[in-house]
C-alpha atoms as a PDB file:
ATOM      1  CA  UNK A   1      84.636 -45.882  70.310  1.00  0.00           C
ATOM      2  CA  UNK A   2      86.724 -48.654  71.648  1.00  0.00           C
ATOM      3  CA  UNK A   3      90.462 -48.054  72.702  1.00  0.00           C
ATOM      4  CA  UNK A   4      93.411 -50.172  73.576  1.00  0.00           C
ATOM      5  CA  UNK A   5      96.695 -49.406  74.940  1.00  0.00           C
ATOM      6  CA  UNK A   6     100.109 -50.574  73.997  1.00  0.00           C
ATOM      7  CA  UNK A   7     103.028 -49.767  76.116  1.00  0.00           C
ATOM      8  CA  UNK A   8     106.403 -51.520  77.100  1.00  0.00           C
ATOM      9  CA  UNK A   9     107.969 -49.621  79.751  1.00  0.00           C
ATOM     10  CA  UNK A  10     106.582 -49.384  83.362  1.00  0.00           C
ATOM     11  CA  UNK A  11     108.952 -46.705  84.341  1.00  0.00           C
ATOM     12  CA  UNK A  12     107.646 -43.399  85.504  1.00  0.00           C
ATOM     13  CA  UNK A  13     106.014 -41.245  83.989  1.00  0.00           C
ATOM     14  CA  UNK A  14     104.489 -43.818  81.608  1.00  0.00           C
ATOM     15  CA  UNK A  15     102.452 -45.515  83.947  1.00  0.00           C
ATOM     16  CA  UNK A  16     100.883 -42.149  85.123  1.00  0.00           C
ATOM     17  CA  UNK A  17     100.351 -41.350  81.336  1.00  0.00           C
ATOM     18  CA  UNK A  18      98.636 -45.000  80.989  1.00  0.00           C
ATOM     19  CA  UNK A  19      96.408 -44.054  84.055  1.00  0.00           C
ATOM     20  CA  UNK A  20      95.553 -40.754  82.756  1.00  0.00           C
ATOM     21  CA  UNK A  21      94.174 -42.463  79.363  1.00  0.00           C
ATOM     22  CA  UNK A  22      92.311 -45.345  81.176  1.00  0.00           C
ATOM     23  CA  UNK A  23      90.655 -42.472  83.712  1.00  0.00           C
ATOM     24  CA  UNK A  24      89.521 -40.363  80.456  1.00  0.00           C
ATOM     25  CA  UNK A  25      88.049 -43.321  78.601  1.00  0.00           C
ATOM     26  CA  UNK A  26      86.165 -44.526  81.602  1.00  0.00           C
ATOM     27  CA  UNK A  27      85.061 -41.228  82.961  1.00  0.00           C
ATOM     28  CA  UNK A  28      83.622 -40.699  79.058  1.00  0.00           C
ATOM     29  CA  UNK A  29      82.021 -44.097  78.836  1.00  0.00           C
ATOM     30  CA  UNK A  30      84.423 -45.595  76.169  1.00  0.00           C
ATOM     31  CA  UNK A  31      85.524 -49.124  76.460  1.00  0.00           C
ATOM     32  CA  UNK A  32      89.309 -49.377  77.131  1.00  0.00           C
ATOM     33  CA  UNK A  33      91.201 -52.664  76.400  1.00  0.00           C
ATOM     34  CA  UNK A  34      94.658 -53.455  78.150  1.00  0.00           C
ATOM     35  CA  UNK A  35      96.736 -56.377  78.339  1.00  0.00           C
ATOM     36  CA  UNK A  36      97.388 -58.124  81.466  1.00  0.00           C
ATOM     37  CA  UNK A  37     101.111 -56.724  81.183  1.00  0.00           C
ATOM     38  CA  UNK A  38     100.057 -53.221  80.826  1.00  0.00           C
ATOM     39  CA  UNK A  39      97.617 -53.376  83.711  1.00  0.00           C
ATOM     40  CA  UNK A  40     100.200 -54.506  86.025  1.00  0.00           C
ATOM     41  CA  UNK A  41     102.216 -51.093  85.274  1.00  0.00           C
ATOM     42  CA  UNK A  42      99.435 -49.157  86.932  1.00  0.00           C
ATOM     43  CA  UNK A  43      97.080 -51.056  88.686  1.00  0.00           C
ATOM     44  CA  UNK A  44      97.853 -49.414  91.820  1.00  0.00           C
ATOM     45  CA  UNK A  45      96.955 -46.167  90.352  1.00  0.00           C
ATOM     46  CA  UNK A  46      93.361 -47.143  88.881  1.00  0.00           C
ATOM     47  CA  UNK A  47      90.394 -46.677  90.912  1.00  0.00           C
ATOM     48  CA  UNK A  48      88.302 -48.198  88.036  1.00  0.00           C
ATOM     49  CA  UNK A  49      89.514 -51.125  85.856  1.00  0.00           C
ATOM     50  CA  UNK A  50      89.642 -51.040  82.179  1.00  0.00           C
ATOM     51  CA  UNK A  51      88.687 -54.318  80.549  1.00  0.00           C
ATOM     52  CA  UNK A  52      91.797 -56.812  80.577  1.00  0.00           C
ATOM     53  CA  UNK A  53      93.012 -59.033  77.901  1.00  0.00           C
ATOM     54  CA  UNK A  54      95.700 -61.764  77.961  1.00  0.00           C
ATOM     55  CA  UNK A  55      97.718 -60.230  75.323  1.00  0.00           C
ATOM     56  CA  UNK A  56      98.357 -56.920  73.604  1.00  0.00           C
ATOM     57  CA  UNK A  57      97.182 -58.666  70.269  1.00  0.00           C
ATOM     58  CA  UNK A  58      93.802 -59.529  71.948  1.00  0.00           C
ATOM     59  CA  UNK A  59      93.553 -55.901  73.142  1.00  0.00           C
ATOM     60  CA  UNK A  60      94.329 -54.606  69.771  1.00  0.00           C
ATOM     61  CA  UNK A  61      91.624 -56.878  68.228  1.00  0.00           C
ATOM     62  CA  UNK A  62      88.671 -55.613  70.090  1.00  0.00           C
ATOM     63  CA  UNK A  63      89.668 -51.806  69.655  1.00  0.00           C
ATOM     64  CA  UNK A  64      88.976 -49.422  67.059  1.00  0.00           C
ATOM     65  CA  UNK A  65      91.982 -47.163  67.924  1.00  0.00           C
ATOM     66  CA  UNK A  66      95.252 -48.369  69.058  1.00  0.00           C
ATOM     67  CA  UNK A  67      96.968 -45.775  71.776  1.00  0.00           C
ATOM     68  CA  UNK A  68     100.685 -46.387  71.918  1.00  0.00           C
ATOM     69  CA  UNK A  69     102.408 -45.001  75.049  1.00  0.00           C
ATOM     70  CA  UNK A  70     105.871 -44.480  74.879  1.00  0.00           C
ATOM     71  CA  UNK A  71     108.305 -43.502  72.200  1.00  0.00           C
ATOM     72  CA  UNK A  72     108.934 -44.163  68.789  1.00  0.00           C
ATOM     73  CA  UNK A  73     110.115 -47.835  69.634  1.00  0.00           C
ATOM     74  CA  UNK A  74     106.694 -48.431  71.310  1.00  0.00           C
ATOM     75  CA  UNK A  75     104.728 -47.423  68.368  1.00  0.00           C
ATOM     76  CA  UNK A  76     106.678 -49.449  66.009  1.00  0.00           C
ATOM     77  CA  UNK A  77     105.644 -52.448  68.091  1.00  0.00           C
ATOM     78  CA  UNK A  78     102.454 -51.046  67.831  1.00  0.00           C
ATOM     79  CA  UNK A  79     102.553 -50.983  64.328  1.00  0.00           C
ATOM     80  CA  UNK A  80     103.259 -54.674  63.586  1.00  0.00           C
ATOM     81  CA  UNK A  81     100.131 -55.476  65.807  1.00  0.00           C
ATOM     82  CA  UNK A  82      97.993 -53.722  63.527  1.00  0.00           C
ATOM     83  CA  UNK A  83      99.358 -54.830  60.252  1.00  0.00           C
ATOM     84  CA  UNK A  84      96.430 -55.488  57.771  1.00  0.00           C
ATOM     85  CA  UNK A  85      93.632 -54.609  60.532  1.00  0.00           C
ATOM     86  CA  UNK A  86      92.881 -50.995  59.354  1.00  0.00           C
ATOM     87  CA  UNK A  87      93.213 -49.484  63.101  1.00  0.00           C
ATOM     88  CA  UNK A  88      94.578 -46.084  63.403  1.00  0.00           C
ATOM     89  CA  UNK A  89      97.355 -45.736  66.189  1.00  0.00           C
ATOM     90  CA  UNK A  90      97.608 -42.588  68.445  1.00  0.00           C
ATOM     91  CA  UNK A  91     101.152 -42.060  69.498  1.00  0.00           C
ATOM     92  CA  UNK A  92     101.612 -40.443  73.038  1.00  0.00           C
ATOM     93  CA  UNK A  93     105.502 -39.355  73.213  1.00  0.00           C
ATOM     94  CA  UNK A  94     106.811 -40.275  76.442  1.00  0.00           C
ATOM     95  CA  UNK A  95     110.416 -40.667  74.861  1.00  0.00           C
ATOM     96  CA  UNK A  96     113.023 -38.207  73.797  1.00  0.00           C
ATOM     97  CA  UNK A  97     112.498 -37.437  70.145  1.00  0.00           C
ATOM     98  CA  UNK A  98     109.038 -38.731  69.036  1.00  0.00           C
ATOM     99  CA  UNK A  99     108.801 -38.489  65.315  1.00  0.00           C
ATOM    100  CA  UNK A 100     106.200 -40.952  65.063  1.00  0.00           C
ATOM    101  CA  UNK A 101     104.605 -40.795  68.441  1.00  0.00           C
ATOM    102  CA  UNK A 102     104.323 -37.331  68.366  1.00  0.00           C
ATOM    103  CA  UNK A 103     101.305 -36.311  70.568  1.00  0.00           C
ATOM    104  CA  UNK A 104     103.090 -34.643  73.575  1.00  0.00           C
ATOM    105  CA  UNK A 105     101.666 -35.689  77.219  1.00  0.00           C
ATOM    106  CA  UNK A 106     100.057 -32.367  77.732  1.00  0.00           C
ATOM    107  CA  UNK A 107      97.837 -32.962  74.617  1.00  0.00           C
ATOM    108  CA  UNK A 108      96.454 -36.595  75.770  1.00  0.00           C
ATOM    109  CA  UNK A 109      93.034 -35.269  76.764  1.00  0.00           C
ATOM    110  CA  UNK A 110      92.800 -32.962  73.744  1.00  0.00           C
ATOM    111  CA  UNK A 111      93.980 -36.126  71.167  1.00  0.00           C
ATOM    112  CA  UNK A 112      91.339 -38.344  72.851  1.00  0.00           C
ATOM    113  CA  UNK A 113      88.585 -35.814  72.725  1.00  0.00           C
ATOM    114  CA  UNK A 114      89.558 -35.276  68.680  1.00  0.00           C
ATOM    115  CA  UNK A 115      89.546 -39.165  68.069  1.00  0.00           C
ATOM    116  CA  UNK A 116      86.268 -39.763  70.008  1.00  0.00           C
ATOM    117  CA  UNK A 117      84.098 -38.528  67.656  1.00  0.00           C
ATOM    118  CA  UNK A 118      85.424 -40.709  64.775  1.00  0.00           C
ATOM    119  CA  UNK A 119      86.516 -37.511  62.746  1.00  0.00           C
ATOM    120  CA  UNK A 120      90.048 -37.487  63.162  1.00  0.00           C
ATOM    121  CA  UNK A 121      92.748 -36.899  60.438  1.00  0.00           C
ATOM    122  CA  UNK A 122      95.161 -39.711  59.472  1.00  0.00           C
ATOM    123  CA  UNK A 123      98.659 -39.800  58.233  1.00  0.00           C
ATOM    124  CA  UNK A 124      98.858 -42.830  56.211  1.00  0.00           C
ATOM    125  CA  UNK A 125     102.339 -44.266  56.070  1.00  0.00           C
ATOM    126  CA  UNK A 126     103.435 -47.123  53.753  1.00  0.00           C
ATOM    127  CA  UNK A 127     105.384 -50.329  54.900  1.00  0.00           C
ATOM    128  CA  UNK A 128     107.948 -51.907  53.404  1.00  0.00           C
ATOM    129  CA  UNK A 129     107.516 -55.752  52.896  1.00  0.00           C
ATOM    130  CA  UNK A 130     110.603 -58.072  52.713  1.00  0.00           C
ATOM    131  CA  UNK A 131     110.461 -61.761  51.578  1.00  0.00           C
ATOM    132  CA  UNK A 132     113.169 -64.061  53.165  1.00  0.00           C
ATOM    133  CA  UNK A 133     114.626 -67.305  51.793  1.00  0.00           C
ATOM    134  CA  UNK A 134     112.265 -69.469  53.835  1.00  0.00           C
ATOM    135  CA  UNK A 135     109.410 -67.901  52.285  1.00  0.00           C
ATOM    136  CA  UNK A 136     108.295 -65.840  55.297  1.00  0.00           C
ATOM    137  CA  UNK A 137     107.015 -62.384  55.079  1.00  0.00           C
ATOM    138  CA  UNK A 138     108.266 -59.230  57.253  1.00  0.00           C
ATOM    139  CA  UNK A 139     107.145 -55.757  57.537  1.00  0.00           C
ATOM    140  CA  UNK A 140     108.744 -52.536  58.374  1.00  0.00           C
ATOM    141  CA  UNK A 141     107.367 -49.129  58.910  1.00  0.00           C
ATOM    142  CA  UNK A 142     111.005 -47.664  59.271  1.00  0.00           C
ATOM    143  CA  UNK A 143     113.675 -49.818  57.725  1.00  0.00           C
ATOM    144  CA  UNK A 144     115.029 -53.143  57.188  1.00  0.00           C
ATOM    145  CA  UNK A 145     118.864 -53.604  58.040  1.00  0.00           C
ATOM    146  CA  UNK A 146     121.387 -56.095  57.194  1.00  0.00           C
ATOM    147  CA  UNK A 147     124.360 -55.926  59.560  1.00  0.00           C
ATOM    148  CA  UNK A 148     127.532 -57.327  60.236  1.00  0.00           C
ATOM    149  CA  UNK A 149     127.751 -60.355  62.558  1.00  0.00           C
ATOM    150  CA  UNK A 150     129.446 -60.961  66.007  1.00  0.00           C
ATOM    151  CA  UNK A 151     132.871 -61.451  64.352  1.00  0.00           C
ATOM    152  CA  UNK A 152     132.864 -57.640  63.770  1.00  0.00           C
ATOM    153  CA  UNK A 153     134.062 -57.771  60.232  1.00  0.00           C
ATOM    154  CA  UNK A 154     132.723 -56.004  57.217  1.00  0.00           C
ATOM    155  CA  UNK A 155     130.151 -57.728  54.946  1.00  0.00           C
ATOM    156  CA  UNK A 156     129.745 -57.797  51.378  1.00  0.00           C
ATOM    157  CA  UNK A 157     126.305 -57.639  49.922  1.00  0.00           C
ATOM    158  CA  UNK A 158     124.928 -57.353  46.316  1.00  0.00           C
ATOM    159  CA  UNK A 159     122.020 -54.992  45.385  1.00  0.00           C
ATOM    160  CA  UNK A 160     119.674 -55.445  42.220  1.00  0.00           C
ATOM    161  CA  UNK A 161     116.757 -53.445  41.550  1.00  0.00           C
ATOM    162  CA  UNK A 162     114.090 -54.868  38.949  1.00  0.00           C
ATOM    163  CA  UNK A 163     116.609 -57.516  37.860  1.00  0.00           C
ATOM    164  CA  UNK A 164     119.333 -54.996  37.236  1.00  0.00           C
ATOM    165  CA  UNK A 165     122.794 -55.063  39.073  1.00  0.00           C
ATOM    166  CA  UNK A 166     123.206 -51.957  41.276  1.00  0.00           C
ATOM    167  CA  UNK A 167     126.577 -52.517  43.219  1.00  0.00           C
ATOM    168  CA  UNK A 168     128.387 -54.610  45.411  1.00  0.00           C
ATOM    169  CA  UNK A 169     128.737 -53.184  48.826  1.00  0.00           C
ATOM    170  CA  UNK A 170     131.514 -53.802  51.295  1.00  0.00           C
ATOM    171  CA  UNK A 171     130.546 -52.142  54.557  1.00  0.00           C
ATOM    172  CA  UNK A 172     129.187 -52.541  58.125  1.00  0.00           C
ATOM    173  CA  UNK A 173     125.774 -52.871  56.725  1.00  0.00           C
ATOM    174  CA  UNK A 174     123.046 -51.817  54.420  1.00  0.00           C
ATOM    175  CA  UNK A 175     119.852 -49.679  55.278  1.00  0.00           C
ATOM    176  CA  UNK A 176     116.782 -50.117  53.203  1.00  0.00           C
ATOM    177  CA  UNK A 177     114.500 -47.320  54.434  1.00  0.00           C
ATOM    178  CA  UNK A 178     110.804 -45.814  53.839  1.00  0.00           C
ATOM    179  CA  UNK A 179     109.985 -42.359  53.897  1.00  0.00           C
ATOM    180  CA  UNK A 180     108.947 -42.780  57.392  1.00  0.00           C
ATOM    181  CA  UNK A 181     112.310 -44.461  58.315  1.00  0.00           C
ATOM    182  CA  UNK A 182     114.226 -41.767  56.341  1.00  0.00           C
ATOM    183  CA  UNK A 183     114.531 -39.745  59.426  1.00  0.00           C
ATOM    184  CA  UNK A 184     115.682 -42.710  61.688  1.00  0.00           C
ATOM    185  CA  UNK A 185     118.801 -44.821  61.045  1.00  0.00           C
ATOM    186  CA  UNK A 186     119.181 -43.657  57.366  1.00  0.00           C
ATOM    187  CA  UNK A 187     119.341 -40.077  58.536  1.00  0.00           C
ATOM    188  CA  UNK A 188     121.811 -40.558  61.144  1.00  0.00           C
ATOM    189  CA  UNK A 189     123.901 -42.817  58.613  1.00  0.00           C
ATOM    190  CA  UNK A 190     123.981 -39.749  56.133  1.00  0.00           C
ATOM    191  CA  UNK A 191     120.906 -40.684  54.108  1.00  0.00           C
ATOM    192  CA  UNK A 192     118.378 -37.991  52.710  1.00  0.00           C
ATOM    193  CA  UNK A 193     115.198 -37.140  54.543  1.00  0.00           C
ATOM    194  CA  UNK A 194     112.223 -38.217  52.303  1.00  0.00           C
ATOM    195  CA  UNK A 195     108.706 -36.812  52.990  1.00  0.00           C
ATOM    196  CA  UNK A 196     106.086 -39.708  53.708  1.00  0.00           C
ATOM    197  CA  UNK A 197     103.917 -40.170  51.033  1.00  0.00           C
ATOM    198  CA  UNK A 198     106.502 -40.260  48.575  1.00  0.00           C
ATOM    199  CA  UNK A 199     106.526 -43.785  46.832  1.00  0.00           C
ATOM    200  CA  UNK A 200     110.517 -44.238  47.229  1.00  0.00           C
ATOM    201  CA  UNK A 201     112.658 -46.515  49.316  1.00  0.00           C
ATOM    202  CA  UNK A 202     116.448 -45.527  50.171  1.00  0.00           C
ATOM    203  CA  UNK A 203     119.186 -47.897  49.912  1.00  0.00           C
ATOM    204  CA  UNK A 204     122.165 -46.665  52.070  1.00  0.00           C
ATOM    205  CA  UNK A 205     125.250 -48.537  52.927  1.00  0.00           C
ATOM    206  CA  UNK A 206     126.485 -47.913  56.541  1.00  0.00           C
ATOM    207  CA  UNK A 207     130.219 -47.060  56.793  1.00  0.00           C
ATOM    208  CA  UNK A 208     131.097 -48.256  53.211  1.00  0.00           C
ATOM    209  CA  UNK A 209     134.499 -49.016  52.445  1.00  0.00           C
ATOM    210  CA  UNK A 210     134.569 -46.923  49.186  1.00  0.00           C
ATOM    211  CA  UNK A 211     134.007 -43.173  49.777  1.00  0.00           C
ATOM    212  CA  UNK A 212     132.184 -42.883  46.479  1.00  0.00           C
ATOM    213  CA  UNK A 213     129.460 -44.912  47.562  1.00  0.00           C
ATOM    214  CA  UNK A 214     126.440 -42.827  48.138  1.00  0.00           C
ATOM    215  CA  UNK A 215     122.864 -43.618  49.368  1.00  0.00           C
ATOM    216  CA  UNK A 216     120.292 -44.350  46.345  1.00  0.00           C
ATOM    217  CA  UNK A 217     116.649 -43.227  46.174  1.00  0.00           C
ATOM    218  CA  UNK A 218     114.659 -46.011  44.225  1.00  0.00           C
ATOM    219  CA  UNK A 219     110.978 -46.180  43.250  1.00  0.00           C
ATOM    220  CA  UNK A 220     109.416 -48.436  45.690  1.00  0.00           C
ATOM    221  CA  UNK A 221     107.002 -50.150  43.417  1.00  0.00           C
ATOM    222  CA  UNK A 222     109.395 -52.536  42.038  1.00  0.00           C
ATOM    223  CA  UNK A 223     111.737 -55.129  43.843  1.00  0.00           C
ATOM    224  CA  UNK A 224     114.864 -54.408  45.587  1.00  0.00           C
ATOM    225  CA  UNK A 225     116.912 -57.753  46.092  1.00  0.00           C
ATOM    226  CA  UNK A 226     119.883 -58.051  48.372  1.00  0.00           C
ATOM    227  CA  UNK A 227     122.134 -61.003  48.312  1.00  0.00           C
ATOM    228  CA  UNK A 228     125.218 -62.591  49.733  1.00  0.00           C
ATOM    229  CA  UNK A 229     127.232 -65.038  48.075  1.00  0.00           C
ATOM    230  CA  UNK A 230     129.946 -65.149  50.652  1.00  0.00           C
ATOM    231  CA  UNK A 231     130.209 -68.445  52.521  1.00  0.00           C
ATOM    232  CA  UNK A 232     132.068 -67.529  55.293  1.00  0.00           C
ATOM    233  CA  UNK A 233     130.228 -64.142  56.287  1.00  0.00           C
ATOM    234  CA  UNK A 234     127.715 -63.787  58.973  1.00  0.00           C
ATOM    235  CA  UNK A 235     124.705 -61.121  58.142  1.00  0.00           C
ATOM    236  CA  UNK A 236     121.947 -60.057  60.782  1.00  0.00           C
ATOM    237  CA  UNK A 237     118.759 -59.234  59.489  1.00  0.00           C
ATOM    238  CA  UNK A 238     116.189 -57.007  61.228  1.00  0.00           C
ATOM    239  CA  UNK A 239     113.129 -54.946  60.841  1.00  0.00           C
ATOM    240  CA  UNK A 240     112.636 -51.609  62.825  1.00  0.00           C
ATOM    241  CA  UNK A 241     115.281 -52.719  64.955  1.00  0.00           C
ATOM    242  CA  UNK A 242     114.085 -56.297  65.921  1.00  0.00           C
ATOM    243  CA  UNK A 243     116.219 -59.159  64.860  1.00  0.00           C
ATOM    244  CA  UNK A 244     114.223 -61.663  62.963  1.00  0.00           C
ATOM    245  CA  UNK A 245     116.828 -63.927  61.382  1.00  0.00           C
ATOM    246  CA  UNK A 246     120.718 -64.470  61.258  1.00  0.00           C
ATOM    247  CA  UNK A 247     121.653 -65.811  57.670  1.00  0.00           C
ATOM    248  CA  UNK A 248     124.902 -66.209  56.097  1.00  0.00           C
ATOM    249  CA  UNK A 249     125.747 -67.603  52.616  1.00  0.00           C
ATOM    250  CA  UNK A 250     123.113 -67.629  49.855  1.00  0.00           C
ATOM    251  CA  UNK A 251     121.159 -64.697  51.324  1.00  0.00           C
ATOM    252  CA  UNK A 252     118.224 -63.629  48.932  1.00  0.00           C
ATOM    253  CA  UNK A 253     115.758 -61.009  50.408  1.00  0.00           C
ATOM    254  CA  UNK A 254     113.281 -59.283  48.193  1.00  0.00           C
ATOM    255  CA  UNK A 255     111.905 -55.827  49.305  1.00  0.00           C
ATOM    256  CA  UNK A 256     109.280 -53.676  47.745  1.00  0.00           C
ATOM    257  CA  UNK A 257     106.445 -51.502  49.166  1.00  0.00           C
ATOM    258  CA  UNK A 258     103.679 -53.502  50.826  1.00  0.00           C
ATOM    259  CA  UNK A 259      99.983 -53.092  50.069  1.00  0.00           C
ATOM    260  CA  UNK A 260      99.536 -52.453  53.698  1.00  0.00           C
ATOM    261  CA  UNK A 261     100.111 -49.160  55.436  1.00  0.00           C
ATOM    262  CA  UNK A 262      99.923 -47.666  58.996  1.00  0.00           C
ATOM    263  CA  UNK A 263      97.342 -45.060  59.682  1.00  0.00           C
ATOM    264  CA  UNK A 264      98.909 -42.338  62.375  1.00  0.00           C
ATOM    265  CA  UNK A 265      96.354 -39.954  64.086  1.00  0.00           C
ATOM    266  CA  UNK A 266      97.541 -36.446  64.007  1.00  0.00           C
ATOM    267  CA  UNK A 267      96.127 -33.310  65.351  1.00  0.00           C
ATOM    268  CA  UNK A 268      94.407 -30.686  63.148  1.00  0.00           C
ATOM    269  CA  UNK A 269      97.273 -28.084  63.503  1.00  0.00           C
ATOM    270  CA  UNK A 270     100.154 -30.751  62.968  1.00  0.00           C
ATOM    271  CA  UNK A 271     102.352 -30.968  59.834  1.00  0.00           C
ATOM    272  CA  UNK A 272     105.146 -32.958  58.816  1.00  0.00           C
ATOM    273  CA  UNK A 273     107.460 -29.789  58.458  1.00  0.00           C
ATOM    274  CA  UNK A 274     106.319 -28.663  62.006  1.00  0.00           C
ATOM    275  CA  UNK A 275     107.732 -31.954  62.961  1.00  0.00           C
ATOM    276  CA  UNK A 276     110.920 -31.581  61.106  1.00  0.00           C
ATOM    277  CA  UNK A 277     111.608 -28.027  62.606  1.00  0.00           C
ATOM    278  CA  UNK A 278     110.721 -28.959  66.067  1.00  0.00           C
ATOM    279  CA  UNK A 279     112.342 -32.036  66.393  1.00  0.00           C
ATOM    280  CA  UNK A 280     115.361 -31.317  64.339  1.00  0.00           C
ATOM    281  CA  UNK A 281     115.648 -27.879  65.305  1.00  0.00           C
ATOM    282  CA  UNK A 282     115.612 -26.758  61.577  1.00  0.00           C
ATOM    283  CA  UNK A 283     116.333 -22.987  60.961  1.00  0.00           C
ATOM    284  CA  UNK A 284     117.366 -22.506  64.572  1.00  0.00           C
ATOM    285  CA  UNK A 285     119.979 -19.749  65.027  1.00  0.00           C
ATOM    286  CA  UNK A 286     121.954 -19.883  67.867  1.00  0.00           C
ATOM    287  CA  UNK A 287     124.499 -17.091  66.944  1.00  0.00           C
ATOM    288  CA  UNK A 288     122.825 -14.780  69.148  1.00  0.00           C
ATOM    289  CA  UNK A 289     123.655 -16.605  72.065  1.00  0.00           C
ATOM    290  CA  UNK A 290     127.229 -16.463  71.503  1.00  0.00           C
ATOM    291  CA  UNK A 291     129.371 -14.990  74.168  1.00  0.00           C
ATOM    292  CA  UNK A 292     130.646 -11.423  74.324  1.00  0.00           C
ATOM    293  CA  UNK A 293     134.342 -10.850  73.572  1.00  0.00           C
END
């Protein structure tokens, strides 16, 4: 088994956990690849050196399993590195919530032992795919976002599904979320939670001007098209929080489920509903903690 590490935060305790992963891999005679930038985070801690590459891309290419050390943002970046490469991701959570990177730091060695025999379970998560007017193709594990520009004005966007007109949205923006992304910005904006594996996407306006405008769940196997016909408005397009383009008039973006997916390694006892209860505190009854009167 060959491992690689992806991480983007050198603050404590991230570097200590990177060191723990490196130490475990070397002690168990597994190859571990990390980029120069990741190695610089913890070089002073390492008594034995991993195999160092120039870039994260090269480290990922040489490995069988990609280890993301950080929060969900780090895992989203790691996901972009493995699109089309069929390499599972082990997400170690050092962040606050950890919906995607849900291996807690006290389970690092257990998770590594579980993966080392190549018998691990994977949670396959579908990607959304967007084609921009210039022909470029972009992927999102969580969501695509169309947001208002620097002038702060609300934007007007048109939505079509399979060639049929849905609505003209006047809002702060539009979220197009996958089931995985339904618990991210979509949930914060009042959208529904969708179980991963459901073949749908969510179209959710952000602060729409019309109170009757609500989120819409659509089958993901056909194309959702977002357009703009206002020459004077600025629209910012982003994928999983990464701004990839700023577009204005005559915007045409086509979105559907991608043929690619991301495999997340999970421990045997983990379920999606456990994650919802633990991270969102579903069912927690705080009434017993009320002060006496």
